[in-house]
PDB file of N, CA and C in Angstrom:
ATOM      1  N   MET A   1      76.690  40.510 -47.960  1.00  0.00           N
ATOM      2  CA  MET A   1      77.567  40.801 -46.850  1.00  0.00           C
ATOM      3  C   MET A   1      78.664  39.737 -46.813  1.00  0.00           C
ATOM      4  N   THR A   2      79.887  40.176 -46.704  1.00  0.00           N
ATOM      5  CA  THR A   2      81.012  39.245 -46.662  1.00  0.00           C
ATOM      6  C   THR A   2      81.097  38.583 -45.286  1.00  0.00           C
ATOM      7  N   ASN A   3      81.854  37.501 -45.208  1.00  0.00           N
ATOM      8  CA  ASN A   3      82.042  36.839 -43.918  1.00  0.00           C
ATOM      9  C   ASN A   3      82.724  37.763 -42.914  1.00  0.00           C
ATOM     10  N   ALA A   4      83.659  38.579 -43.380  1.00  0.00           N
ATOM     11  CA  ALA A   4      84.329  39.525 -42.488  1.00  0.00           C
ATOM     12  C   ALA A   4      83.336  40.558 -41.943  1.00  0.00           C
ATOM     13  N   GLU A   5      82.427  41.009 -42.782  1.00  0.00           N
ATOM     14  CA  GLU A   5      81.400  41.958 -42.334  1.00  0.00           C
ATOM     15  C   GLU A   5      80.450  41.307 -41.341  1.00  0.00           C
ATOM     16  N   LYS A   6      80.063  40.058 -41.617  1.00  0.00           N
ATOM     17  CA  LYS A   6      79.207  39.325 -40.683  1.00  0.00           C
ATOM     18  C   LYS A   6      79.906  39.158 -39.343  1.00  0.00           C
ATOM     19  N   LEU A   7      81.188  38.815 -39.391  1.00  0.00           N
ATOM     20  CA  LEU A   7      81.955  38.629 -38.167  1.00  0.00           C
ATOM     21  C   LEU A   7      81.969  39.910 -37.337  1.00  0.00           C
ATOM     22  N   ALA A   8      82.210  41.030 -37.972  1.00  0.00           N
ATOM     23  CA  ALA A   8      82.224  42.316 -37.260  1.00  0.00           C
ATOM     24  C   ALA A   8      80.852  42.615 -36.651  1.00  0.00           C
ATOM     25  N   LYS A   9      79.791  42.315 -37.383  1.00  0.00           N
ATOM     26  CA  LYS A   9      78.428  42.542 -36.895  1.00  0.00           C
ATOM     27  C   LYS A   9      78.146  41.662 -35.683  1.00  0.00           C
ATOM     28  N   TYR A  10      78.492  40.373 -35.770  1.00  0.00           N
ATOM     29  CA  TYR A  10      78.254  39.450 -34.661  1.00  0.00           C
ATOM     30  C   TYR A  10      79.088  39.829 -33.436  1.00  0.00           C
ATOM     31  N   GLU A  11      80.316  40.263 -33.649  1.00  0.00           N
ATOM     32  CA  GLU A  11      81.164  40.676 -32.526  1.00  0.00           C
ATOM     33  C   GLU A  11      80.576  41.897 -31.826  1.00  0.00           C
ATOM     34  N   ALA A  12      80.040  42.834 -32.599  1.00  0.00           N
ATOM     35  CA  ALA A  12      79.423  44.029 -32.017  1.00  0.00           C
ATOM     36  C   ALA A  12      78.186  43.655 -31.203  1.00  0.00           C
ATOM     37  N   LYS A  13      77.379  42.721 -31.730  1.00  0.00           N
ATOM     38  CA  LYS A  13      76.187  42.288 -31.004  1.00  0.00           C
ATOM     39  C   LYS A  13      76.571  41.526 -29.738  1.00  0.00           C
ATOM     40  N   LEU A  14      77.628  40.734 -29.795  1.00  0.00           N
ATOM     41  CA  LEU A  14      78.100  40.014 -28.613  1.00  0.00           C
ATOM     42  C   LEU A  14      78.490  40.995 -27.510  1.00  0.00           C
ATOM     43  N   VAL A  15      79.177  42.062 -27.866  1.00  0.00           N
ATOM     44  CA  VAL A  15      79.568  43.068 -26.879  1.00  0.00           C
ATOM     45  C   VAL A  15      78.336  43.652 -26.200  1.00  0.00           C
ATOM     46  N   ILE A  16      77.308  43.933 -26.965  1.00  0.00           N
ATOM     47  CA  ILE A  16      76.067  44.498 -26.403  1.00  0.00           C
ATOM     48  C   ILE A  16      75.452  43.531 -25.399  1.00  0.00           C
ATOM     49  N   TRP A  17      75.364  42.240 -25.770  1.00  0.00           N
ATOM     50  CA  TRP A  17      74.778  41.249 -24.862  1.00  0.00           C
ATOM     51  C   TRP A  17      75.644  41.054 -23.624  1.00  0.00           C
ATOM     52  N   GLU A  18      76.969  41.110 -23.780  1.00  0.00           N
ATOM     53  CA  GLU A  18      77.850  40.997 -22.617  1.00  0.00           C
ATOM     54  C   GLU A  18      77.682  42.202 -21.690  1.00  0.00           C
ATOM     55  N   GLU A  19      77.505  43.382 -22.252  1.00  0.00           N
ATOM     56  CA  GLU A  19      77.250  44.573 -21.441  1.00  0.00           C
ATOM     57  C   GLU A  19      75.919  44.436 -20.699  1.00  0.00           C
ATOM     58  N   ALA A  20      74.930  43.867 -21.383  1.00  0.00           N
ATOM     59  CA  ALA A  20      73.629  43.646 -20.745  1.00  0.00           C
ATOM     60  C   ALA A  20      73.781  42.691 -19.567  1.00  0.00           C
ATOM     61  N   GLU A  21      74.546  41.611 -19.759  1.00  0.00           N
ATOM     62  CA  GLU A  21      74.749  40.654 -18.676  1.00  0.00           C
ATOM     63  C   GLU A  21      75.425  41.319 -17.490  1.00  0.00           C
ATOM     64  N   GLU A  22      76.458  42.103 -17.750  1.00  0.00           N
ATOM     65  CA  GLU A  22      77.165  42.777 -16.662  1.00  0.00           C
ATOM     66  C   GLU A  22      76.236  43.712 -15.901  1.00  0.00           C
ATOM     67  N   SER A  23      75.457  44.475 -16.627  1.00  0.00           N
ATOM     68  CA  SER A  23      74.565  45.437 -16.000  1.00  0.00           C
ATOM     69  C   SER A  23      73.467  44.744 -15.195  1.00  0.00           C
ATOM     70  N   VAL A  24      72.858  43.731 -15.795  1.00  0.00           N
ATOM     71  CA  VAL A  24      71.704  43.068 -15.176  1.00  0.00           C
ATOM     72  C   VAL A  24      72.119  42.069 -14.103  1.00  0.00           C
ATOM     73  N   ALA A  25      73.053  41.183 -14.427  1.00  0.00           N
ATOM     74  CA  ALA A  25      73.402  40.103 -13.504  1.00  0.00           C
ATOM     75  C   ALA A  25      74.343  40.557 -12.388  1.00  0.00           C
ATOM     76  N   LEU A  26      75.308  41.361 -12.718  1.00  0.00           N
ATOM     77  CA  LEU A  26      76.318  41.723 -11.731  1.00  0.00           C
ATOM     78  C   LEU A  26      75.967  42.980 -10.936  1.00  0.00           C
ATOM     79  N   LYS A  27      75.314  43.912 -11.594  1.00  0.00           N
ATOM     80  CA  LYS A  27      75.017  45.181 -10.931  1.00  0.00           C
ATOM     81  C   LYS A  27      73.561  45.305 -10.497  1.00  0.00           C
ATOM     82  N   GLY A  28      72.709  44.373 -10.956  1.00  0.00           N
ATOM     83  CA  GLY A  28      71.303  44.416 -10.586  1.00  0.00           C
ATOM     84  C   GLY A  28      70.525  45.557 -11.207  1.00  0.00           C
ATOM     85  N   GLN A  29      71.048  46.110 -12.294  1.00  0.00           N
ATOM     86  CA  GLN A  29      70.398  47.233 -12.960  1.00  0.00           C
ATOM     87  C   GLN A  29      69.696  46.749 -14.225  1.00  0.00           C
ATOM     88  N   SER A  30      68.807  47.567 -14.741  1.00  0.00           N
ATOM     89  CA  SER A  30      68.223  47.263 -16.047  1.00  0.00           C
ATOM     90  C   SER A  30      69.192  47.730 -17.133  1.00  0.00           C
ATOM     91  N   TYR A  31      68.960  47.275 -18.348  1.00  0.00           N
ATOM     92  CA  TYR A  31      69.843  47.619 -19.460  1.00  0.00           C
ATOM     93  C   TYR A  31      68.993  47.891 -20.691  1.00  0.00           C
ATOM     94  N   MET A  32      69.270  48.991 -21.366  1.00  0.00           N
ATOM     95  CA  MET A  32      68.567  49.298 -22.611  1.00  0.00           C
ATOM     96  C   MET A  32      69.360  48.699 -23.757  1.00  0.00           C
ATOM     97  N   TYR A  33      68.797  47.685 -24.390  1.00  0.00           N
ATOM     98  CA  TYR A  33      69.436  47.003 -25.508  1.00  0.00           C
ATOM     99  C   TYR A  33      69.056  47.731 -26.793  1.00  0.00           C
ATOM    100  N   ASP A  34      70.051  48.136 -27.553  1.00  0.00           N
ATOM    101  CA  ASP A  34      69.799  48.796 -28.835  1.00  0.00           C
ATOM    102  C   ASP A  34      70.949  48.465 -29.769  1.00  0.00           C
ATOM    103  N   ASP A  35      70.695  47.577 -30.740  1.00  0.00           N
ATOM    104  CA  ASP A  35      71.748  47.197 -31.682  1.00  0.00           C
ATOM    105  C   ASP A  35      71.507  47.781 -33.069  1.00  0.00           C
ATOM    106  N   GLY A  36      70.579  48.707 -33.172  1.00  0.00           N
ATOM    107  CA  GLY A  36      70.256  49.305 -34.463  1.00  0.00           C
ATOM    108  C   GLY A  36      69.112  48.586 -35.149  1.00  0.00           C
ATOM    109  N   ASP A  37      68.939  47.308 -34.844  1.00  0.00           N
ATOM    110  CA  ASP A  37      67.838  46.522 -35.396  1.00  0.00           C
ATOM    111  C   ASP A  37      66.707  46.380 -34.382  1.00  0.00           C
ATOM    112  N   LEU A  38      67.065  46.365 -33.120  1.00  0.00           N
ATOM    113  CA  LEU A  38      66.111  46.102 -32.051  1.00  0.00           C
ATOM    114  C   LEU A  38      66.457  46.963 -30.842  1.00  0.00           C
ATOM    115  N   LYS A  39      65.425  47.492 -30.200  1.00  0.00           N
ATOM    116  CA  LYS A  39      65.613  48.284 -28.992  1.00  0.00           C
ATOM    117  C   LYS A  39      64.633  47.777 -27.948  1.00  0.00           C
ATOM    118  N   ARG A  40      65.172  47.429 -26.749  1.00  0.00           N
ATOM    119  CA  ARG A  40      64.296  46.976 -25.679  1.00  0.00           C
ATOM    120  C   ARG A  40      64.987  47.094 -24.327  1.00  0.00           C
ATOM    121  N   GLN A  41      64.187  47.085 -23.290  1.00  0.00           N
ATOM    122  CA  GLN A  41      64.679  47.154 -21.916  1.00  0.00           C
ATOM    123  C   GLN A  41      64.828  45.736 -21.378  1.00  0.00           C
ATOM    124  N   LEU A  42      66.011  45.427 -20.818  1.00  0.00           N
ATOM    125  CA  LEU A  42      66.269  44.112 -20.241  1.00  0.00           C
ATOM    126  C   LEU A  42      66.439  44.257 -18.734  1.00  0.00           C
ATOM    127  N   THR A  43      65.918  43.286 -17.999  1.00  0.00           N
ATOM    128  CA  THR A  43      66.023  43.284 -16.546  1.00  0.00           C
ATOM    129  C   THR A  43      66.502  41.914 -16.072  1.00  0.00           C
ATOM    130  N   GLN A  44      66.566  41.724 -14.764  1.00  0.00           N
ATOM    131  CA  GLN A  44      66.976  40.448 -14.191  1.00  0.00           C
ATOM    132  C   GLN A  44      66.115  39.301 -14.720  1.00  0.00           C
ATOM    133  N   ALA A  45      64.872  39.568 -15.009  1.00  0.00           N
ATOM    134  CA  ALA A  45      63.975  38.538 -15.539  1.00  0.00           C
ATOM    135  C   ALA A  45      64.441  38.030 -16.905  1.00  0.00           C
ATOM    136  N   ASN A  46      65.282  38.762 -17.600  1.00  0.00           N
ATOM    137  CA  ASN A  46      65.767  38.390 -18.930  1.00  0.00           C
ATOM    138  C   ASN A  46      67.129  37.714 -18.910  1.00  0.00           C
ATOM    139  N   ILE A  47      67.668  37.389 -17.719  1.00  0.00           N
ATOM    140  CA  ILE A  47      69.037  36.892 -17.646  1.00  0.00           C
ATOM    141  C   ILE A  47      69.238  35.595 -18.430  1.00  0.00           C
ATOM    142  N   THR A  48      68.271  34.701 -18.430  1.00  0.00           N
ATOM    143  CA  THR A  48      68.409  33.457 -19.200  1.00  0.00           C
ATOM    144  C   THR A  48      68.511  33.760 -20.687  1.00  0.00           C
ATOM    145  N   GLU A  49      67.672  34.651 -21.171  1.00  0.00           N
ATOM    146  CA  GLU A  49      67.722  35.061 -22.579  1.00  0.00           C
ATOM    147  C   GLU A  49      69.051  35.732 -22.900  1.00  0.00           C
ATOM    148  N   ILE A  50      69.520  36.586 -22.015  1.00  0.00           N
ATOM    149  CA  ILE A  50      70.786  37.284 -22.229  1.00  0.00           C
ATOM    150  C   ILE A  50      71.920  36.279 -22.374  1.00  0.00           C
ATOM    151  N   ARG A  51      71.967  35.320 -21.471  1.00  0.00           N
ATOM    152  CA  ARG A  51      73.036  34.313 -21.529  1.00  0.00           C
ATOM    153  C   ARG A  51      72.903  33.418 -22.754  1.00  0.00           C
ATOM    154  N   HIS A  52      71.688  33.142 -23.158  1.00  0.00           N
ATOM    155  CA  HIS A  52      71.469  32.373 -24.388  1.00  0.00           C
ATOM    156  C   HIS A  52      72.012  33.142 -25.592  1.00  0.00           C
ATOM    157  N   MET A  53      71.754  34.439 -25.647  1.00  0.00           N
ATOM    158  CA  MET A  53      72.208  35.245 -26.777  1.00  0.00           C
ATOM    159  C   MET A  53      73.731  35.373 -26.794  1.00  0.00           C
ATOM    160  N   ILE A  54      74.356  35.417 -25.622  1.00  0.00           N
ATOM    161  CA  ILE A  54      75.817  35.430 -25.575  1.00  0.00           C
ATOM    162  C   ILE A  54      76.360  34.150 -26.186  1.00  0.00           C
ATOM    163  N   SER A  55      75.817  33.004 -25.794  1.00  0.00           N
ATOM    164  CA  SER A  55      76.246  31.718 -26.368  1.00  0.00           C
ATOM    165  C   SER A  55      75.976  31.667 -27.862  1.00  0.00           C
ATOM    166  N   PHE A  56      74.811  32.170 -28.274  1.00  0.00           N
ATOM    167  CA  PHE A  56      74.435  32.191 -29.687  1.00  0.00           C
ATOM    168  C   PHE A  56      75.478  32.943 -30.509  1.00  0.00           C
ATOM    169  N   TYR A  57      75.843  34.153 -30.066  1.00  0.00           N
ATOM    170  CA  TYR A  57      76.819  34.944 -30.826  1.00  0.00           C
ATOM    171  C   TYR A  57      78.231  34.398 -30.706  1.00  0.00           C
ATOM    172  N   GLU A  58      78.590  33.814 -29.563  1.00  0.00           N
ATOM    173  CA  GLU A  58      79.900  33.179 -29.459  1.00  0.00           C
ATOM    174  C   GLU A  58      80.022  32.037 -30.472  1.00  0.00           C
ATOM    175  N   ASN A  59      78.969  31.249 -30.609  1.00  0.00           N
ATOM    176  CA  ASN A  59      78.978  30.143 -31.569  1.00  0.00           C
ATOM    177  C   ASN A  59      79.004  30.642 -33.010  1.00  0.00           C
ATOM    178  N   LYS A  60      78.236  31.693 -33.307  1.00  0.00           N
ATOM    179  CA  LYS A  60      78.241  32.267 -34.657  1.00  0.00           C
ATOM    180  C   LYS A  60      79.639  32.790 -35.016  1.00  0.00           C
ATOM    181  N   ILE A  61      80.261  33.460 -34.058  1.00  0.00           N
ATOM    182  CA  ILE A  61      81.601  34.010 -34.277  1.00  0.00           C
ATOM    183  C   ILE A  61      82.599  32.885 -34.488  1.00  0.00           C
ATOM    184  N   ALA A  62      82.552  31.862 -33.654  1.00  0.00           N
ATOM    185  CA  ALA A  62      83.483  30.733 -33.785  1.00  0.00           C
ATOM    186  C   ALA A  62      83.324  30.047 -35.144  1.00  0.00           C
ATOM    187  N   LYS A  63      82.092  29.863 -35.579  1.00  0.00           N
ATOM    188  CA  LYS A  63      81.836  29.226 -36.869  1.00  0.00           C
ATOM    189  C   LYS A  63      82.402  30.074 -38.014  1.00  0.00           C
ATOM    190  N   LEU A  64      82.136  31.365 -37.983  1.00  0.00           N
ATOM    191  CA  LEU A  64      82.646  32.246 -39.035  1.00  0.00           C
ATOM    192  C   LEU A  64      84.167  32.319 -39.023  1.00  0.00           C
ATOM    193  N   GLU A  65      84.760  32.324 -37.837  1.00  0.00           N
ATOM    194  CA  GLU A  65      86.226  32.343 -37.767  1.00  0.00           C
ATOM    195  C   GLU A  65      86.811  31.085 -38.383  1.00  0.00           C
ATOM    196  N   ARG A  66      86.173  29.941 -38.160  1.00  0.00           N
ATOM    197  CA  ARG A  66      86.648  28.697 -38.780  1.00  0.00           C
ATOM    198  C   ARG A  66      86.509  28.757 -40.299  1.00  0.00           C
ATOM    199  N   ILE A  67      85.410  29.332 -40.779  1.00  0.00           N
ATOM    200  CA  ILE A  67      85.207  29.472 -42.223  1.00  0.00           C
ATOM    201  C   ILE A  67      86.280  30.383 -42.808  1.00  0.00           C
ATOM    202  N   ILE A  68      86.513  31.518 -42.158  1.00  0.00           N
ATOM    203  CA  ILE A  68      87.504  32.478 -42.638  1.00  0.00           C
ATOM    204  C   ILE A  68      88.899  31.865 -42.617  1.00  0.00           C
ATOM    205  N   ASP A  69      89.198  31.092 -41.568  1.00  0.00           N
ATOM    206  CA  ASP A  69      90.514  30.457 -41.436  1.00  0.00           C
ATOM    207  C   ASP A  69      90.652  29.203 -42.294  1.00  0.00           C
ATOM    208  N   GLY A  70      89.556  28.756 -42.901  1.00  0.00           N
ATOM    209  CA  GLY A  70      89.601  27.559 -43.733  1.00  0.00           C
ATOM    210  C   GLY A  70      89.532  26.258 -42.960  1.00  0.00           C
ATOM    211  N   THR A  71      89.043  26.315 -41.735  1.00  0.00           N
ATOM    212  CA  THR A  71      88.936  25.105 -40.925  1.00  0.00           C
ATOM    213  C   THR A  71      87.478  24.792 -40.603  1.00  0.00           C
ATOM    214  N   SER A  72      86.567  25.116 -41.506  1.00  0.00           N
ATOM    215  CA  SER A  72      85.139  24.984 -41.239  1.00  0.00           C
ATOM    216  C   SER A  72      84.651  23.548 -41.163  1.00  0.00           C
ATOM    217  N   LYS A  73      85.504  22.586 -41.478  1.00  0.00           N
ATOM    218  CA  LYS A  73      85.073  21.192 -41.409  1.00  0.00           C
ATOM    219  C   LYS A  73      85.221  20.615 -40.006  1.00  0.00           C
ATOM    220  N   SER A  74      85.656  21.438 -39.065  1.00  0.00           N
ATOM    221  CA  SER A  74      85.801  20.985 -37.686  1.00  0.00           C
ATOM    222  C   SER A  74      84.440  20.628 -37.103  1.00  0.00           C
ATOM    223  N   ILE A  75      84.423  19.649 -36.225  1.00  0.00           N
ATOM    224  CA  ILE A  75      83.193  19.271 -35.542  1.00  0.00           C
ATOM    225  C   ILE A  75      82.938  20.284 -34.437  1.00  0.00           C
ATOM    226  N   VAL A  76      81.692  20.753 -34.363  1.00  0.00           N
ATOM    227  CA  VAL A  76      81.323  21.728 -33.358  1.00  0.00           C
ATOM    228  C   VAL A  76      80.443  21.051 -32.327  1.00  0.00           C
ATOM    229  N   TYR A  77      80.806  21.164 -31.073  1.00  0.00           N
ATOM    230  CA  TYR A  77      80.021  20.600 -29.993  1.00  0.00           C
ATOM    231  C   TYR A  77      79.317  21.732 -29.239  1.00  0.00           C
ATOM    232  N   ALA A  78      78.112  21.456 -28.815  1.00  0.00           N
ATOM    233  CA  ALA A  78      77.389  22.430 -28.010  1.00  0.00           C
ATOM    234  C   ALA A  78      78.101  22.567 -26.672  1.00  0.00           C
ATOM    235  N   ARG A  79      77.887  23.705 -26.014  1.00  0.00           N
ATOM    236  CA  ARG A  79      78.505  23.918 -24.707  1.00  0.00           C
ATOM    237  C   ARG A  79      78.127  22.774 -23.779  1.00  0.00           C
ATOM    238  N   GLY A  80      79.105  22.337 -23.013  1.00  0.00           N
ATOM    239  CA  GLY A  80      78.850  21.281 -22.053  1.00  0.00           C
ATOM    240  C   GLY A  80      78.939  19.892 -22.629  1.00  0.00           C
ATOM    241  N   ARG A  81      79.215  19.799 -23.906  1.00  0.00           N
ATOM    242  CA  ARG A  81      79.349  18.499 -24.545  1.00  0.00           C
ATOM    243  C   ARG A  81      80.740  18.375 -25.130  1.00  0.00           C
ATOM    244  N   GLY A  82      81.075  17.164 -25.503  1.00  0.00           N
ATOM    245  CA  GLY A  82      82.316  16.997 -26.231  1.00  0.00           C
ATOM    246  C   GLY A  82      83.218  16.078 -25.563  1.00  0.00           C
TER     247      GLY A  82
END
C-alpha cells in the first residue's frame, strides 16, 4: 500500500470516528461503527476511546503528510506538549 493509499484510508477512518463523537457526545445517541474491518456499537461509555481514536488518526495523518511532503524529520510532540 502506498503512502497516498494509507493516507486516504486513515482519513476515511478519522471521519468515521468524528461522526461517532458527534453522535455520541453531542447528540447523546449510540453510533454503529463500521469501517469494513470492524463493526461495533458505540455509546457514551465509549467517549474516551472515541476521542483517543480521533487523536490516533490525526497523528497518523499528520505523520504521513510530512512523509509525503518530505518533511518527515520534523519533531512530533504529543497533544498538550511542546
